[in-house]
Amino acid sequence: MKLSEFYKDRELDEIVPALSTATQPGATEPQAGTPPTPEPPAPKGQMATDPMKAAADAKAAQAEQLKQKQEQVKATQEAIKAKEQELMDLRTKMAELQKM
């Protein structure tokens, strides 16, 4: 629907030359059956991110995850060594008790 269908005022036409691109001469009308493509909403309070910065951030996040995983592996290995040492001590103590 166009505003001109409801209201016709030449002074208004002079003040507001065009309300949309569809009302301008030479503009193409959308084809019937074709839904209009909505524009994506702009993020509020954020500027567009730089692709290079996004890639660097992703690499930094991956590096941080790898570091955390390596620390977990190291902590688990240390726990295993401590348990093995405890087991060795208990075996030694058991061997001494059996000699008596």
PDB file of N, CA and C in Angstrom:
ATOM      1  N   MET A   1       0.837  -1.165   0.000  1.00  0.00           N
ATOM      2  CA  MET A   1       0.000   0.000   0.000  1.00  0.00           C
ATOM      3  C   MET A   1       0.891   1.241   0.000  1.00  0.00           C
ATOM      4  N   LYS A   2       0.435   2.202  -0.709  1.00  0.00           N
ATOM      5  CA  LYS A   2       1.178   3.448  -0.801  1.00  0.00           C
ATOM      6  C   LYS A   2       0.392   4.550  -0.109  1.00  0.00           C
ATOM      7  N   LEU A   3       1.114   5.494   0.434  1.00  0.00           N
ATOM      8  CA  LEU A   3       0.478   6.623   1.084  1.00  0.00           C
ATOM      9  C   LEU A   3      -0.350   7.423   0.083  1.00  0.00           C
ATOM     10  N   SER A   4       0.106   7.449  -1.152  1.00  0.00           N
ATOM     11  CA  SER A   4      -0.605   8.222  -2.178  1.00  0.00           C
ATOM     12  C   SER A   4      -1.974   7.651  -2.489  1.00  0.00           C
ATOM     13  N   GLU A   5      -2.191   6.368  -2.168  1.00  0.00           N
ATOM     14  CA  GLU A   5      -3.500   5.783  -2.388  1.00  0.00           C
ATOM     15  C   GLU A   5      -4.537   6.359  -1.429  1.00  0.00           C
ATOM     16  N   PHE A   6      -4.093   6.770  -0.249  1.00  0.00           N
ATOM     17  CA  PHE A   6      -5.010   7.294   0.760  1.00  0.00           C
ATOM     18  C   PHE A   6      -5.057   8.819   0.794  1.00  0.00           C
ATOM     19  N   TYR A   7      -3.941   9.423   0.459  1.00  0.00           N
ATOM     20  CA  TYR A   7      -3.869  10.864   0.645  1.00  0.00           C
ATOM     21  C   TYR A   7      -3.090  11.471  -0.502  1.00  0.00           C
ATOM     22  N   LYS A   8      -3.617  12.496  -1.105  1.00  0.00           N
ATOM     23  CA  LYS A   8      -2.922  13.139  -2.215  1.00  0.00           C
ATOM     24  C   LYS A   8      -2.785  14.622  -1.894  1.00  0.00           C
ATOM     25  N   ASP A   9      -1.575  15.065  -1.685  1.00  0.00           N
ATOM     26  CA  ASP A   9      -1.317  16.475  -1.382  1.00  0.00           C
ATOM     27  C   ASP A   9      -0.016  16.857  -2.071  1.00  0.00           C
ATOM     28  N   ARG A  10      -0.067  17.798  -2.943  1.00  0.00           N
ATOM     29  CA  ARG A  10       1.117  18.175  -3.697  1.00  0.00           C
ATOM     30  C   ARG A  10       2.186  18.791  -2.791  1.00  0.00           C
ATOM     31  N   GLU A  11       1.782  19.553  -1.793  1.00  0.00           N
ATOM     32  CA  GLU A  11       2.765  20.141  -0.868  1.00  0.00           C
ATOM     33  C   GLU A  11       3.500  19.046  -0.105  1.00  0.00           C
ATOM     34  N   LEU A  12       2.771  18.024   0.317  1.00  0.00           N
ATOM     35  CA  LEU A  12       3.394  16.909   1.008  1.00  0.00           C
ATOM     36  C   LEU A  12       4.369  16.183   0.083  1.00  0.00           C
ATOM     37  N   ASP A  13       4.002  16.046  -1.166  1.00  0.00           N
ATOM     38  CA  ASP A  13       4.884  15.394  -2.132  1.00  0.00           C
ATOM     39  C   ASP A  13       6.179  16.176  -2.313  1.00  0.00           C
ATOM     40  N   GLU A  14       6.098  17.493  -2.214  1.00  0.00           N
ATOM     41  CA  GLU A  14       7.301  18.307  -2.344  1.00  0.00           C
ATOM     42  C   GLU A  14       8.181  18.199  -1.107  1.00  0.00           C
ATOM     43  N   ILE A  15       7.579  18.110   0.064  1.00  0.00           N
ATOM     44  CA  ILE A  15       8.351  18.023   1.314  1.00  0.00           C
ATOM     45  C   ILE A  15       8.994  16.652   1.462  1.00  0.00           C
ATOM     46  N   VAL A  16       8.217  15.637   1.236  1.00  0.00           N
ATOM     47  CA  VAL A  16       8.712  14.265   1.362  1.00  0.00           C
ATOM     48  C   VAL A  16       8.776  13.684  -0.043  1.00  0.00           C
ATOM     49  N   PRO A  17       9.930  13.754  -0.705  1.00  0.00           N
ATOM     50  CA  PRO A  17      10.007  13.333  -2.102  1.00  0.00           C
ATOM     51  C   PRO A  17       9.743  11.839  -2.285  1.00  0.00           C
ATOM     52  N   ALA A  18      10.223  11.027  -1.382  1.00  0.00           N
ATOM     53  CA  ALA A  18      10.003   9.594  -1.537  1.00  0.00           C
ATOM     54  C   ALA A  18      10.042   8.941  -0.168  1.00  0.00           C
ATOM     55  N   LEU A  19       9.084   8.092   0.083  1.00  0.00           N
ATOM     56  CA  LEU A  19       9.066   7.384   1.361  1.00  0.00           C
ATOM     57  C   LEU A  19       9.871   6.100   1.292  1.00  0.00           C
ATOM     58  N   SER A  20      10.005   5.544   0.143  1.00  0.00           N
ATOM     59  CA  SER A  20      10.810   4.331  -0.006  1.00  0.00           C
ATOM     60  C   SER A  20      11.307   4.251  -1.434  1.00  0.00           C
ATOM     61  N   THR A  21      12.180   3.316  -1.697  1.00  0.00           N
ATOM     62  CA  THR A  21      12.706   3.155  -3.057  1.00  0.00           C
ATOM     63  C   THR A  21      11.635   2.647  -3.997  1.00  0.00           C
ATOM     64  N   ALA A  22      10.608   2.002  -3.471  1.00  0.00           N
ATOM     65  CA  ALA A  22       9.540   1.476  -4.316  1.00  0.00           C
ATOM     66  C   ALA A  22       8.697   2.597  -4.906  1.00  0.00           C
ATOM     67  N   THR A  23       8.642   3.769  -4.271  1.00  0.00           N
ATOM     68  CA  THR A  23       7.822   4.870  -4.775  1.00  0.00           C
ATOM     69  C   THR A  23       8.595   5.765  -5.718  1.00  0.00           C
ATOM     70  N   GLN A  24       9.900   5.572  -5.859  1.00  0.00           N
ATOM     71  CA  GLN A  24      10.701   6.397  -6.746  1.00  0.00           C
ATOM     72  C   GLN A  24      10.527   5.926  -8.185  1.00  0.00           C
ATOM     73  N   PRO A  25      10.548   6.868  -9.131  1.00  0.00           N
ATOM     74  CA  PRO A  25      10.430   6.446 -10.526  1.00  0.00           C
ATOM     75  C   PRO A  25      11.647   5.626 -10.933  1.00  0.00           C
ATOM     76  N   GLY A  26      11.384   4.573 -11.662  1.00  0.00           N
ATOM     77  CA  GLY A  26      12.471   3.721 -12.131  1.00  0.00           C
ATOM     78  C   GLY A  26      12.781   2.584 -11.179  1.00  0.00           C
ATOM     79  N   ALA A  27      12.188   2.587  -9.999  1.00  0.00           N
ATOM     80  CA  ALA A  27      12.434   1.507  -9.054  1.00  0.00           C
ATOM     81  C   ALA A  27      11.589   0.310  -9.445  1.00  0.00           C
ATOM     82  N   THR A  28      12.117  -0.863  -9.215  1.00  0.00           N
ATOM     83  CA  THR A  28      11.370  -2.063  -9.580  1.00  0.00           C
ATOM     84  C   THR A  28      10.533  -2.512  -8.400  1.00  0.00           C
ATOM     85  N   GLU A  29       9.363  -2.989  -8.706  1.00  0.00           N
ATOM     86  CA  GLU A  29       8.468  -3.514  -7.684  1.00  0.00           C
ATOM     87  C   GLU A  29       8.884  -4.947  -7.376  1.00  0.00           C
ATOM     88  N   PRO A  30       8.734  -5.389  -6.138  1.00  0.00           N
ATOM     89  CA  PRO A  30       9.045  -6.791  -5.844  1.00  0.00           C
ATOM     90  C   PRO A  30       8.068  -7.704  -6.572  1.00  0.00           C
ATOM     91  N   GLN A  31       8.559  -8.815  -7.026  1.00  0.00           N
ATOM     92  CA  GLN A  31       7.734  -9.745  -7.776  1.00  0.00           C
ATOM     93  C   GLN A  31       6.755 -10.429  -6.836  1.00  0.00           C
ATOM     94  N   ALA A  32       5.594 -10.745  -7.345  1.00  0.00           N
ATOM     95  CA  ALA A  32       4.571 -11.421  -6.544  1.00  0.00           C
ATOM     96  C   ALA A  32       5.058 -12.809  -6.172  1.00  0.00           C
ATOM     97  N   GLY A  33       4.812 -13.195  -4.938  1.00  0.00           N
ATOM     98  CA  GLY A  33       5.229 -14.516  -4.478  1.00  0.00           C
ATOM     99  C   GLY A  33       6.641 -14.555  -3.939  1.00  0.00           C
ATOM    100  N   THR A  34       7.395 -13.504  -4.107  1.00  0.00           N
ATOM    101  CA  THR A  34       8.762 -13.443  -3.600  1.00  0.00           C
ATOM    102  C   THR A  34       8.756 -12.660  -2.291  1.00  0.00           C
ATOM    103  N   PRO A  35       9.094 -13.307  -1.187  1.00  0.00           N
ATOM    104  CA  PRO A  35       9.093 -12.575   0.079  1.00  0.00           C
ATOM    105  C   PRO A  35      10.245 -11.575   0.111  1.00  0.00           C
ATOM    106  N   PRO A  36      10.026 -10.438   0.727  1.00  0.00           N
ATOM    107  CA  PRO A  36      11.114  -9.468   0.827  1.00  0.00           C
ATOM    108  C   PRO A  36      12.221 -10.016   1.722  1.00  0.00           C
ATOM    109  N   THR A  37      13.450  -9.708   1.374  1.00  0.00           N
ATOM    110  CA  THR A  37      14.575 -10.177   2.177  1.00  0.00           C
ATOM    111  C   THR A  37      14.853  -9.161   3.276  1.00  0.00           C
ATOM    112  N   PRO A  38      14.672  -9.562   4.518  1.00  0.00           N
ATOM    113  CA  PRO A  38      14.930  -8.618   5.613  1.00  0.00           C
ATOM    114  C   PRO A  38      16.427  -8.449   5.833  1.00  0.00           C
ATOM    115  N   GLU A  39      16.803  -7.265   6.230  1.00  0.00           N
ATOM    116  CA  GLU A  39      18.204  -7.020   6.533  1.00  0.00           C
ATOM    117  C   GLU A  39      18.503  -7.539   7.928  1.00  0.00           C
ATOM    118  N   PRO A  40      19.690  -8.106   8.139  1.00  0.00           N
ATOM    119  CA  PRO A  40      20.016  -8.618   9.472  1.00  0.00           C
ATOM    120  C   PRO A  40      20.105  -7.463  10.460  1.00  0.00           C
ATOM    121  N   PRO A  41      19.658  -7.710  11.685  1.00  0.00           N
ATOM    122  CA  PRO A  41      19.720  -6.635  12.681  1.00  0.00           C
ATOM    123  C   PRO A  41      21.160  -6.336  13.056  1.00  0.00           C
ATOM    124  N   ALA A  42      21.427  -5.078  13.249  1.00  0.00           N
ATOM    125  CA  ALA A  42      22.773  -4.670  13.652  1.00  0.00           C
ATOM    126  C   ALA A  42      22.946  -4.979  15.134  1.00  0.00           C
ATOM    127  N   PRO A  43      24.094  -5.514  15.532  1.00  0.00           N
ATOM    128  CA  PRO A  43      24.312  -5.795  16.946  1.00  0.00           C
ATOM    129  C   PRO A  43      24.310  -4.502  17.746  1.00  0.00           C
ATOM    130  N   LYS A  44      23.662  -4.543  18.880  1.00  0.00           N
ATOM    131  CA  LYS A  44      23.557  -3.346  19.702  1.00  0.00           C
ATOM    132  C   LYS A  44      24.818  -3.170  20.525  1.00  0.00           C
ATOM    133  N   GLY A  45      25.394  -1.991  20.454  1.00  0.00           N
ATOM    134  CA  GLY A  45      26.558  -1.674  21.268  1.00  0.00           C
ATOM    135  C   GLY A  45      27.845  -2.327  20.812  1.00  0.00           C
ATOM    136  N   GLN A  46      27.843  -2.940  19.650  1.00  0.00           N
ATOM    137  CA  GLN A  46      29.051  -3.590  19.169  1.00  0.00           C
ATOM    138  C   GLN A  46      29.368  -3.083  17.770  1.00  0.00           C
ATOM    139  N   MET A  47      30.627  -2.954  17.525  1.00  0.00           N
ATOM    140  CA  MET A  47      31.064  -2.598  16.187  1.00  0.00           C
ATOM    141  C   MET A  47      31.327  -3.888  15.427  1.00  0.00           C
ATOM    142  N   ALA A  48      31.343  -3.796  14.125  1.00  0.00           N
ATOM    143  CA  ALA A  48      31.647  -4.969  13.316  1.00  0.00           C
ATOM    144  C   ALA A  48      33.055  -5.450  13.642  1.00  0.00           C
ATOM    145  N   THR A  49      33.213  -6.760  13.774  1.00  0.00           N
ATOM    146  CA  THR A  49      34.510  -7.307  14.142  1.00  0.00           C
ATOM    147  C   THR A  49      35.375  -7.469  12.911  1.00  0.00           C
ATOM    148  N   ASP A  50      36.645  -7.301  13.117  1.00  0.00           N
ATOM    149  CA  ASP A  50      37.634  -7.464  12.065  1.00  0.00           C
ATOM    150  C   ASP A  50      37.901  -8.959  11.889  1.00  0.00           C
ATOM    151  N   PRO A  51      37.853  -9.486  10.670  1.00  0.00           N
ATOM    152  CA  PRO A  51      38.084 -10.915  10.474  1.00  0.00           C
ATOM    153  C   PRO A  51      39.463 -11.363  10.962  1.00  0.00           C
ATOM    154  N   MET A  52      40.456 -10.514  10.808  1.00  0.00           N
ATOM    155  CA  MET A  52      41.803 -10.880  11.271  1.00  0.00           C
ATOM    156  C   MET A  52      41.835 -10.980  12.792  1.00  0.00           C
ATOM    157  N   LYS A  53      41.168 -10.064  13.456  1.00  0.00           N
ATOM    158  CA  LYS A  53      41.122 -10.086  14.919  1.00  0.00           C
ATOM    159  C   LYS A  53      40.336 -11.303  15.398  1.00  0.00           C
ATOM    160  N   ALA A  54      39.242 -11.629  14.704  1.00  0.00           N
ATOM    161  CA  ALA A  54      38.438 -12.793  15.067  1.00  0.00           C
ATOM    162  C   ALA A  54      39.263 -14.076  14.927  1.00  0.00           C
ATOM    163  N   ALA A  55      40.051 -14.164  13.860  1.00  0.00           N
ATOM    164  CA  ALA A  55      40.893 -15.344  13.655  1.00  0.00           C
ATOM    165  C   ALA A  55      41.972 -15.430  14.726  1.00  0.00           C
ATOM    166  N   ALA A  56      42.549 -14.289  15.073  1.00  0.00           N
ATOM    167  CA  ALA A  56      43.570 -14.275  16.121  1.00  0.00           C
ATOM    168  C   ALA A  56      42.965 -14.658  17.466  1.00  0.00           C
ATOM    169  N   ASP A  57      41.759 -14.188  17.734  1.00  0.00           N
ATOM    170  CA  ASP A  57      41.079 -14.541  18.983  1.00  0.00           C
ATOM    171  C   ASP A  57      40.778 -16.034  19.031  1.00  0.00           C
ATOM    172  N   ALA A  58      40.373 -16.592  17.897  1.00  0.00           N
ATOM    173  CA  ALA A  58      40.081 -18.023  17.837  1.00  0.00           C
ATOM    174  C   ALA A  58      41.343 -18.845  18.078  1.00  0.00           C
ATOM    175  N   LYS A  59      42.452 -18.403  17.484  1.00  0.00           N
ATOM    176  CA  LYS A  59      43.723 -19.116  17.704  1.00  0.00           C
ATOM    177  C   LYS A  59      44.151 -19.008  19.157  1.00  0.00           C
ATOM    178  N   ALA A  60      43.961 -17.854  19.752  1.00  0.00           N
ATOM    179  CA  ALA A  60      44.324 -17.672  21.162  1.00  0.00           C
ATOM    180  C   ALA A  60      43.463 -18.566  22.050  1.00  0.00           C
ATOM    181  N   ALA A  61      42.189 -18.688  21.729  1.00  0.00           N
ATOM    182  CA  ALA A  61      41.296 -19.549  22.509  1.00  0.00           C
ATOM    183  C   ALA A  61      41.710 -21.008  22.370  1.00  0.00           C
ATOM    184  N   GLN A  62      42.072 -21.420  21.160  1.00  0.00           N
ATOM    185  CA  GLN A  62      42.532 -22.789  20.950  1.00  0.00           C
ATOM    186  C   GLN A  62      43.818 -23.051  21.721  1.00  0.00           C
ATOM    187  N   ALA A  63      44.726 -22.092  21.712  1.00  0.00           N
ATOM    188  CA  ALA A  63      45.991 -22.246  22.433  1.00  0.00           C
ATOM    189  C   ALA A  63      45.729 -22.360  23.937  1.00  0.00           C
ATOM    190  N   GLU A  64      44.781 -21.573  24.444  1.00  0.00           N
ATOM    191  CA  GLU A  64      44.446 -21.632  25.869  1.00  0.00           C
ATOM    192  C   GLU A  64      43.839 -22.984  26.231  1.00  0.00           C
ATOM    193  N   GLN A  65      42.968 -23.507  25.365  1.00  0.00           N
ATOM    194  CA  GLN A  65      42.374 -24.819  25.607  1.00  0.00           C
ATOM    195  C   GLN A  65      43.441 -25.908  25.586  1.00  0.00           C
ATOM    196  N   LEU A  66      44.381 -25.824  24.651  1.00  0.00           N
ATOM    197  CA  LEU A  66      45.457 -26.802  24.571  1.00  0.00           C
ATOM    198  C   LEU A  66      46.320 -26.743  25.819  1.00  0.00           C
ATOM    199  N   LYS A  67      46.609 -25.533  26.290  1.00  0.00           N
ATOM    200  CA  LYS A  67      47.414 -25.365  27.500  1.00  0.00           C
ATOM    201  C   LYS A  67      46.712 -25.979  28.703  1.00  0.00           C
ATOM    202  N   GLN A  68      45.404 -25.743  28.831  1.00  0.00           N
ATOM    203  CA  GLN A  68      44.655 -26.310  29.951  1.00  0.00           C
ATOM    204  C   GLN A  68      44.641 -27.833  29.889  1.00  0.00           C
ATOM    205  N   LYS A  69      44.495 -28.379  28.690  1.00  0.00           N
ATOM    206  CA  LYS A  69      44.490 -29.830  28.531  1.00  0.00           C
ATOM    207  C   LYS A  69      45.848 -30.421  28.914  1.00  0.00           C
ATOM    208  N   GLN A  70      46.927 -29.752  28.495  1.00  0.00           N
ATOM    209  CA  GLN A  70      48.260 -30.224  28.848  1.00  0.00           C
ATOM    210  C   GLN A  70      48.480 -30.180  30.357  1.00  0.00           C
ATOM    211  N   GLU A  71      47.966 -29.136  31.014  1.00  0.00           N
ATOM    212  CA  GLU A  71      48.089 -29.045  32.468  1.00  0.00           C
ATOM    213  C   GLU A  71      47.313 -30.158  33.162  1.00  0.00           C
ATOM    214  N   GLN A  72      46.140 -30.507  32.635  1.00  0.00           N
ATOM    215  CA  GLN A  72      45.359 -31.605  33.197  1.00  0.00           C
ATOM    216  C   GLN A  72      46.093 -32.932  33.046  1.00  0.00           C
ATOM    217  N   VAL A  73      46.695 -33.145  31.872  1.00  0.00           N
ATOM    218  CA  VAL A  73      47.454 -34.379  31.627  1.00  0.00           C
ATOM    219  C   VAL A  73      48.633 -34.455  32.601  1.00  0.00           C
ATOM    220  N   LYS A  74      49.336 -33.347  32.767  1.00  0.00           N
ATOM    221  CA  LYS A  74      50.487 -33.315  33.668  1.00  0.00           C
ATOM    222  C   LYS A  74      50.058 -33.591  35.109  1.00  0.00           C
ATOM    223  N   ALA A  75      48.962 -32.990  35.545  1.00  0.00           N
ATOM    224  CA  ALA A  75      48.469 -33.211  36.905  1.00  0.00           C
ATOM    225  C   ALA A  75      48.064 -34.667  37.103  1.00  0.00           C
ATOM    226  N   THR A  76      47.449 -35.271  36.091  1.00  0.00           N
ATOM    227  CA  THR A  76      47.059 -36.681  36.179  1.00  0.00           C
ATOM    228  C   THR A  76      48.287 -37.580  36.241  1.00  0.00           C
ATOM    229  N   GLN A  77      49.303 -37.263  35.439  1.00  0.00           N
ATOM    230  CA  GLN A  77      50.530 -38.062  35.464  1.00  0.00           C
ATOM    231  C   GLN A  77      51.207 -37.967  36.831  1.00  0.00           C
ATOM    232  N   GLU A  78      51.222 -36.780  37.413  1.00  0.00           N
ATOM    233  CA  GLU A  78      51.822 -36.613  38.741  1.00  0.00           C
ATOM    234  C   GLU A  78      51.040 -37.394  39.790  1.00  0.00           C
ATOM    235  N   ALA A  79      49.715 -37.407  39.674  1.00  0.00           N
ATOM    236  CA  ALA A  79      48.895 -38.168  40.617  1.00  0.00           C
ATOM    237  C   ALA A  79      49.171 -39.662  40.481  1.00  0.00           C
ATOM    238  N   ILE A  80      49.356 -40.130  39.250  1.00  0.00           N
ATOM    239  CA  ILE A  80      49.666 -41.542  39.015  1.00  0.00           C
ATOM    240  C   ILE A  80      51.017 -41.891  39.633  1.00  0.00           C
ATOM    241  N   LYS A  81      52.012 -41.018  39.437  1.00  0.00           N
ATOM    242  CA  LYS A  81      53.340 -41.279  40.021  1.00  0.00           C
ATOM    243  C   LYS A  81      53.272 -41.336  41.539  1.00  0.00           C
ATOM    244  N   ALA A  82      52.490 -40.434  42.119  1.00  0.00           N
ATOM    245  CA  ALA A  82      52.355 -40.416  43.584  1.00  0.00           C
ATOM    246  C   ALA A  82      51.691 -41.706  44.063  1.00  0.00           C
ATOM    247  N   LYS A  83      50.666 -42.174  43.376  1.00  0.00           N
ATOM    248  CA  LYS A  83      49.983 -43.425  43.762  1.00  0.00           C
ATOM    249  C   LYS A  83      50.907 -44.625  43.569  1.00  0.00           C
ATOM    250  N   GLU A  84      51.694 -44.608  42.495  1.00  0.00           N
ATOM    251  CA  GLU A  84      52.640 -45.704  42.280  1.00  0.00           C
ATOM    252  C   GLU A  84      53.673 -45.754  43.402  1.00  0.00           C
ATOM    253  N   GLN A  85      54.163 -44.588  43.820  1.00  0.00           N
ATOM    254  CA  GLN A  85      55.125 -44.534  44.913  1.00  0.00           C
ATOM    255  C   GLN A  85      54.491 -45.040  46.205  1.00  0.00           C
ATOM    256  N   GLU A  86      53.239 -44.634  46.444  1.00  0.00           N
ATOM    257  CA  GLU A  86      52.528 -45.106  47.638  1.00  0.00           C
ATOM    258  C   GLU A  86      52.356 -46.621  47.590  1.00  0.00           C
ATOM    259  N   LEU A  87      52.031 -47.160  46.419  1.00  0.00           N
ATOM    260  CA  LEU A  87      51.887 -48.600  46.250  1.00  0.00           C
ATOM    261  C   LEU A  87      53.209 -49.323  46.499  1.00  0.00           C
ATOM    262  N   MET A  88      54.294 -48.755  45.992  1.00  0.00           N
ATOM    263  CA  MET A  88      55.619 -49.362  46.226  1.00  0.00           C
ATOM    264  C   MET A  88      55.951 -49.379  47.724  1.00  0.00           C
ATOM    265  N   ASP A  89      55.650 -48.273  48.411  1.00  0.00           N
ATOM    266  CA  ASP A  89      55.902 -48.209  49.848  1.00  0.00           C
ATOM    267  C   ASP A  89      55.076 -49.259  50.595  1.00  0.00           C
ATOM    268  N   LEU A  90      53.807 -49.418  50.199  1.00  0.00           N
ATOM    269  CA  LEU A  90      52.953 -50.413  50.843  1.00  0.00           C
ATOM    270  C   LEU A  90      53.442 -51.837  50.566  1.00  0.00           C
ATOM    271  N   ARG A  91      53.940 -52.098  49.368  1.00  0.00           N
ATOM    272  CA  ARG A  91      54.482 -53.428  49.061  1.00  0.00           C
ATOM    273  C   ARG A  91      55.734 -53.713  49.896  1.00  0.00           C
ATOM    274  N   THR A  92      56.572 -52.694  50.033  1.00  0.00           N
ATOM    275  CA  THR A  92      57.784 -52.858  50.842  1.00  0.00           C
ATOM    276  C   THR A  92      57.408 -53.146  52.298  1.00  0.00           C
ATOM    277  N   LYS A  93      56.441 -52.403  52.805  1.00  0.00           N
ATOM    278  CA  LYS A  93      55.989 -52.608  54.192  1.00  0.00           C
ATOM    279  C   LYS A  93      55.388 -54.003  54.345  1.00  0.00           C
ATOM    280  N   MET A  94      54.619 -54.471  53.352  1.00  0.00           N
ATOM    281  CA  MET A  94      54.016 -55.814  53.398  1.00  0.00           C
ATOM    282  C   MET A  94      55.098 -56.886  53.387  1.00  0.00           C
ATOM    283  N   ALA A  95      56.130 -56.694  52.595  1.00  0.00           N
ATOM    284  CA  ALA A  95      57.238 -57.664  52.529  1.00  0.00           C
ATOM    285  C   ALA A  95      57.948 -57.727  53.879  1.00  0.00           C
ATOM    286  N   GLU A  96      58.133 -56.594  54.547  1.00  0.00           N
ATOM    287  CA  GLU A  96      58.788 -56.587  55.867  1.00  0.00           C
ATOM    288  C   GLU A  96      57.925 -57.281  56.905  1.00  0.00           C
ATOM    289  N   LEU A  97      56.624 -57.081  56.829  1.00  0.00           N
ATOM    290  CA  LEU A  97      55.712 -57.731  57.781  1.00  0.00           C
ATOM    291  C   LEU A  97      55.663 -59.240  57.565  1.00  0.00           C
ATOM    292  N   GLN A  98      55.788 -59.682  56.322  1.00  0.00           N
ATOM    293  CA  GLN A  98      55.743 -61.116  56.054  1.00  0.00           C
ATOM    294  C   GLN A  98      57.024 -61.814  56.508  1.00  0.00           C
ATOM    295  N   LYS A  99      58.168 -61.094  56.590  1.00  0.00           N
ATOM    296  CA  LYS A  99      59.422 -61.684  57.041  1.00  0.00           C
ATOM    297  C   LYS A  99      59.371 -61.991  58.515  1.00  0.00           C
ATOM    298  N   MET A 100      58.597 -61.319  59.246  1.00  0.00           N
ATOM    299  CA  MET A 100      58.571 -61.493  60.716  1.00  0.00           C
ATOM    300  C   MET A 100      57.928 -62.742  61.116  1.00  0.00           C
TER     301      MET A 100
END
